[in-house]
Amino acid sequence: MTGAVLWDMDGTLVDSEEYHWLSWRDTMQSEGITITHDQFLKTFGQRNDSILPQWLNADASPESVVRIGDSKEELYRKLVHQGHIQPLPGVMDWVHRLRGQGWRQAVASSAPRKNIEVVLEALGLTGFFDALVSAEDVTAGKPDPQVFQKGAERLEMPSSRCIVVEDAVPGVEAARRAGMRCIGVSQKGLLSGANVVVRSLADLPADAFEVLSRE
């Protein structure tokens, strides 16, 4: 029995950390604010409207948050276009295999939709997924389950037949709250809340999704 697979993007489909770090660093420098790499890592994967209030003055206006966030994302997309962003190990094999087996697939990410589209274009996967869910589609970021619930809705699949692929603790928690099974991808193996944890998708057994769908 097949179902649906909901893919996180940053850190799951692609290793985009360096692109995000450089775009945040340079954007904040242009605002006269210096951020450290550790500050960046503590917020990586969060929505911009959660990140920026931590780095700006307490009286920063919502308009400033939007403006700075938009500037950062424009720079990020420029870097992706200029660079050679690559899929993480095992990603392309699994995306193609699942499609061939009849699984419905969606990208469910906290990233803006334009970012998702740029990354999929760079990977040669434009039009490959049955649905995209982005930051614009939800009102709260992970660990709120909205992004995965919206993905299941767009794929017309019940939560019980959805499997999430995630690399971060908030995403794993969001999958749990949505009532979905979860495959965690972590080089450190520290995603204990997931049903299955691997260091790389290349390490997944060939029947991993099928087995999870039967549990």
Protein backbone atom coordinates (compact mmCIF):
# COMPACT_ATOMS: atom_id res chain seq x y z
CA MET A 1 0.00 0.00 0.00
CA THR A 2 1.41 3.36 -1.00
CA GLY A 3 0.69 6.72 0.57
CA ALA A 4 2.36 10.11 0.66
CA VAL A 5 5.84 11.38 1.50
CA LEU A 6 6.28 14.93 2.79
CA TRP A 7 9.82 16.20 2.34
CA ASP A 8 11.42 18.95 4.36
CA MET A 9 13.85 20.86 2.13
CA ASP A 10 16.77 22.57 3.88
CA GLY A 11 19.04 19.93 5.40
CA THR A 12 16.89 17.10 4.04
CA LEU A 13 16.71 17.45 0.26
CA VAL A 14 19.74 19.75 0.03
CA ASP A 15 22.62 20.98 2.17
CA SER A 16 21.83 24.69 1.98
CA GLU A 17 23.31 25.78 5.30
CA GLU A 18 26.24 27.70 3.83
CA TYR A 19 24.00 29.60 1.39
CA HIS A 20 21.69 30.65 4.23
CA TRP A 21 24.59 31.63 6.47
CA LEU A 22 26.23 33.83 3.84
CA SER A 23 22.97 35.53 2.89
CA TRP A 24 22.02 36.20 6.52
CA ARG A 25 25.53 37.42 7.42
CA ASP A 26 25.74 39.85 4.51
CA THR A 27 22.16 41.08 4.82
CA MET A 28 22.54 41.84 8.52
CA GLN A 29 25.89 43.54 7.91
CA SER A 30 24.17 45.87 5.47
CA GLU A 31 21.81 46.75 8.34
CA GLY A 32 24.77 47.50 10.63
CA ILE A 33 24.31 44.34 12.68
CA THR A 34 26.92 41.61 13.06
CA ILE A 35 25.73 38.07 13.71
CA THR A 36 27.93 35.11 14.59
CA HIS A 37 27.79 31.69 12.99
CA ASP A 38 26.57 30.29 16.32
CA GLN A 39 23.68 32.76 16.36
CA PHE A 40 22.79 31.65 12.85
CA LEU A 41 22.89 27.95 13.72
CA LYS A 42 20.55 28.44 16.67
CA THR A 43 17.88 29.81 14.33
CA PHE A 44 18.50 27.71 11.21
CA GLY A 45 15.24 26.26 9.93
CA GLN A 46 13.01 28.83 11.64
CA ARG A 47 10.77 31.30 9.84
CA ASN A 48 12.15 34.78 9.21
CA ASP A 49 9.48 36.35 11.41
CA SER A 50 10.83 34.24 14.27
CA ILE A 51 14.52 34.82 13.51
CA LEU A 52 14.71 38.55 12.95
CA PRO A 53 13.10 39.76 16.21
CA GLN A 54 15.95 37.96 18.00
CA TRP A 55 18.57 40.00 16.13
CA LEU A 56 16.88 43.39 15.80
CA ASN A 57 16.05 45.98 18.40
CA ALA A 58 12.96 45.27 20.46
CA ASP A 59 11.15 48.14 18.77
CA ALA A 60 11.81 46.89 15.22
CA SER A 61 8.68 47.31 13.13
CA PRO A 62 6.91 44.46 11.33
CA GLU A 63 7.69 46.32 8.10
CA SER A 64 11.41 46.17 8.90
CA VAL A 65 11.20 42.44 9.56
CA VAL A 66 9.53 41.88 6.19
CA ARG A 67 11.95 44.15 4.32
CA ILE A 68 15.09 42.58 5.78
CA GLY A 69 13.73 39.08 5.41
CA ASP A 70 12.89 39.70 1.75
CA SER A 71 16.39 41.08 1.12
CA LYS A 72 17.96 38.01 2.68
CA GLU A 73 15.87 35.65 0.58
CA GLU A 74 16.69 37.53 -2.63
CA LEU A 75 20.39 37.16 -1.84
CA TYR A 76 19.92 33.48 -0.97
CA ARG A 77 18.28 32.78 -4.32
CA LYS A 78 21.05 34.65 -6.11
CA LEU A 79 23.66 32.49 -4.37
CA VAL A 80 21.79 29.31 -5.27
CA HIS A 81 21.68 30.41 -8.92
CA GLN A 82 25.40 31.23 -8.89
CA GLY A 83 26.47 28.15 -6.97
CA HIS A 84 26.19 24.43 -7.39
CA ILE A 85 23.73 23.31 -4.74
CA GLN A 86 23.57 19.53 -4.62
CA PRO A 87 21.02 16.99 -3.36
CA LEU A 88 22.03 15.18 -0.21
CA PRO A 89 23.10 11.51 -0.56
CA GLY A 90 20.25 9.19 -1.46
CA VAL A 91 17.74 11.95 -2.17
CA MET A 92 17.49 11.61 -5.95
CA ASP A 93 17.35 7.82 -5.80
CA TRP A 94 14.51 7.89 -3.27
CA VAL A 95 12.49 10.65 -4.93
CA HIS A 96 12.58 8.79 -8.25
CA ARG A 97 11.99 5.37 -6.68
CA LEU A 98 8.98 6.55 -4.67
CA ARG A 99 7.48 8.22 -7.71
CA GLY A 100 7.89 5.03 -9.70
CA GLN A 101 6.15 3.08 -6.94
CA GLY A 102 3.14 5.39 -7.01
CA TRP A 103 3.75 7.41 -3.83
CA ARG A 104 2.41 10.96 -3.76
CA GLN A 105 5.13 13.45 -2.80
CA ALA A 106 5.23 17.03 -1.57
CA VAL A 107 7.82 19.49 -0.35
CA ALA A 108 6.66 20.86 3.01
CA SER A 109 9.08 23.56 4.11
CA SER A 110 9.30 26.71 6.23
CA ALA A 111 11.06 28.38 3.30
CA PRO A 112 9.41 30.94 1.02
CA ARG A 113 7.85 29.43 -2.10
CA LYS A 114 10.32 31.17 -4.43
CA ASN A 115 13.19 29.50 -2.55
CA ILE A 116 11.61 26.09 -2.99
CA GLU A 117 11.11 26.72 -6.69
CA VAL A 118 14.72 27.88 -7.16
CA VAL A 119 16.13 24.84 -5.35
CA LEU A 120 13.96 22.39 -7.28
CA GLU A 121 15.01 24.06 -10.52
CA ALA A 122 18.68 23.69 -9.52
CA LEU A 123 18.11 19.99 -8.80
CA GLY A 124 16.22 19.39 -12.03
CA LEU A 125 13.04 18.53 -10.10
CA THR A 126 10.74 21.34 -11.22
CA GLY A 127 7.21 19.93 -11.59
CA PHE A 128 8.30 16.64 -10.05
CA PHE A 129 6.38 16.94 -6.77
CA ASP A 130 2.61 16.72 -6.54
CA ALA A 131 2.39 19.70 -4.14
CA LEU A 132 4.49 22.41 -2.54
CA VAL A 133 3.81 23.92 0.89
CA SER A 134 5.81 26.99 1.88
CA ALA A 135 6.00 29.68 4.54
CA GLU A 136 3.25 31.65 2.80
CA ASP A 137 0.80 28.78 3.28
CA VAL A 138 0.91 28.62 7.08
CA THR A 139 0.66 30.99 10.02
CA ALA A 140 3.06 29.15 12.35
CA GLY A 141 6.35 27.37 11.76
CA LYS A 142 7.46 23.97 12.98
CA PRO A 143 7.00 22.40 15.53
CA ASP A 144 3.46 23.50 14.73
CA PRO A 145 2.06 20.76 12.47
CA GLN A 146 0.36 23.12 9.99
CA VAL A 147 2.90 22.68 7.20
CA PHE A 148 2.48 18.89 7.17
CA GLN A 149 -1.27 19.03 7.63
CA LYS A 150 -1.49 21.36 4.64
CA GLY A 151 0.71 19.00 2.63
CA ALA A 152 -1.53 16.03 3.40
CA GLU A 153 -4.58 18.10 2.47
CA ARG A 154 -3.11 19.07 -0.90
CA LEU A 155 -2.12 15.48 -1.62
CA GLU A 156 -5.59 14.34 -0.54
CA MET A 157 -4.12 11.84 1.90
CA PRO A 158 -5.05 11.18 5.52
CA SER A 159 -2.30 11.82 8.07
CA SER A 160 -2.16 8.12 8.85
CA ARG A 161 -0.86 7.44 5.34
CA CYS A 162 1.77 10.18 5.33
CA ILE A 163 5.47 9.77 6.07
CA VAL A 164 7.59 12.85 6.81
CA VAL A 165 11.31 13.08 6.03
CA GLU A 166 13.02 15.58 8.33
CA ASP A 167 16.44 16.58 9.64
CA ALA A 168 15.53 18.72 12.66
CA VAL A 169 13.90 18.24 16.04
CA PRO A 170 11.13 20.83 15.46
CA GLY A 171 10.21 19.10 12.20
CA VAL A 172 10.10 15.68 13.83
CA GLU A 173 7.86 17.11 16.56
CA ALA A 174 5.62 18.70 13.92
CA ALA A 175 5.25 15.32 12.23
CA ARG A 176 4.32 13.71 15.54
CA ARG A 177 1.72 16.39 16.26
CA ALA A 178 0.27 15.87 12.78
CA GLY A 179 -0.16 12.15 13.50
CA MET A 180 2.38 11.14 10.86
CA ARG A 181 5.28 8.70 10.87
CA CYS A 182 8.72 10.23 10.42
CA ILE A 183 12.11 9.32 9.01
CA GLY A 184 14.82 11.41 10.63
CA VAL A 185 18.05 12.18 8.79
CA SER A 186 20.85 13.25 11.10
CA GLN A 187 24.59 12.83 10.76
CA LYS A 188 24.74 12.85 14.54
CA GLY A 189 21.85 10.42 14.93
CA LEU A 190 20.10 12.68 17.44
CA LEU A 191 16.47 12.62 16.31
CA SER A 192 15.07 10.19 18.83
CA GLY A 193 11.48 11.30 18.23
CA ALA A 194 11.49 9.92 14.68
CA ASN A 195 10.26 6.39 13.90
CA VAL A 196 13.45 5.69 11.96
CA VAL A 197 16.74 7.59 12.19
CA VAL A 198 19.56 7.32 9.65
CA ARG A 199 22.72 9.31 9.09
CA SER A 200 21.98 9.47 5.37
CA LEU A 201 19.04 8.59 3.15
CA ALA A 202 21.49 6.39 1.27
CA ASP A 203 21.49 4.18 4.37
CA LEU A 204 17.73 3.53 4.30
CA PRO A 205 16.67 -0.06 3.58
CA ALA A 206 14.95 -0.49 0.22
CA ASP A 207 11.62 -1.27 1.90
CA ALA A 208 11.80 1.49 4.56
CA PHE A 209 8.77 3.50 3.42
CA GLU A 210 6.70 0.42 2.72
CA VAL A 211 7.43 -0.99 6.18
CA LEU A 212 6.57 2.29 7.89
CA SER A 213 3.32 2.56 5.97
CA ARG A 214 2.22 -0.78 7.44
CA GLU A 215 2.96 0.06 11.07
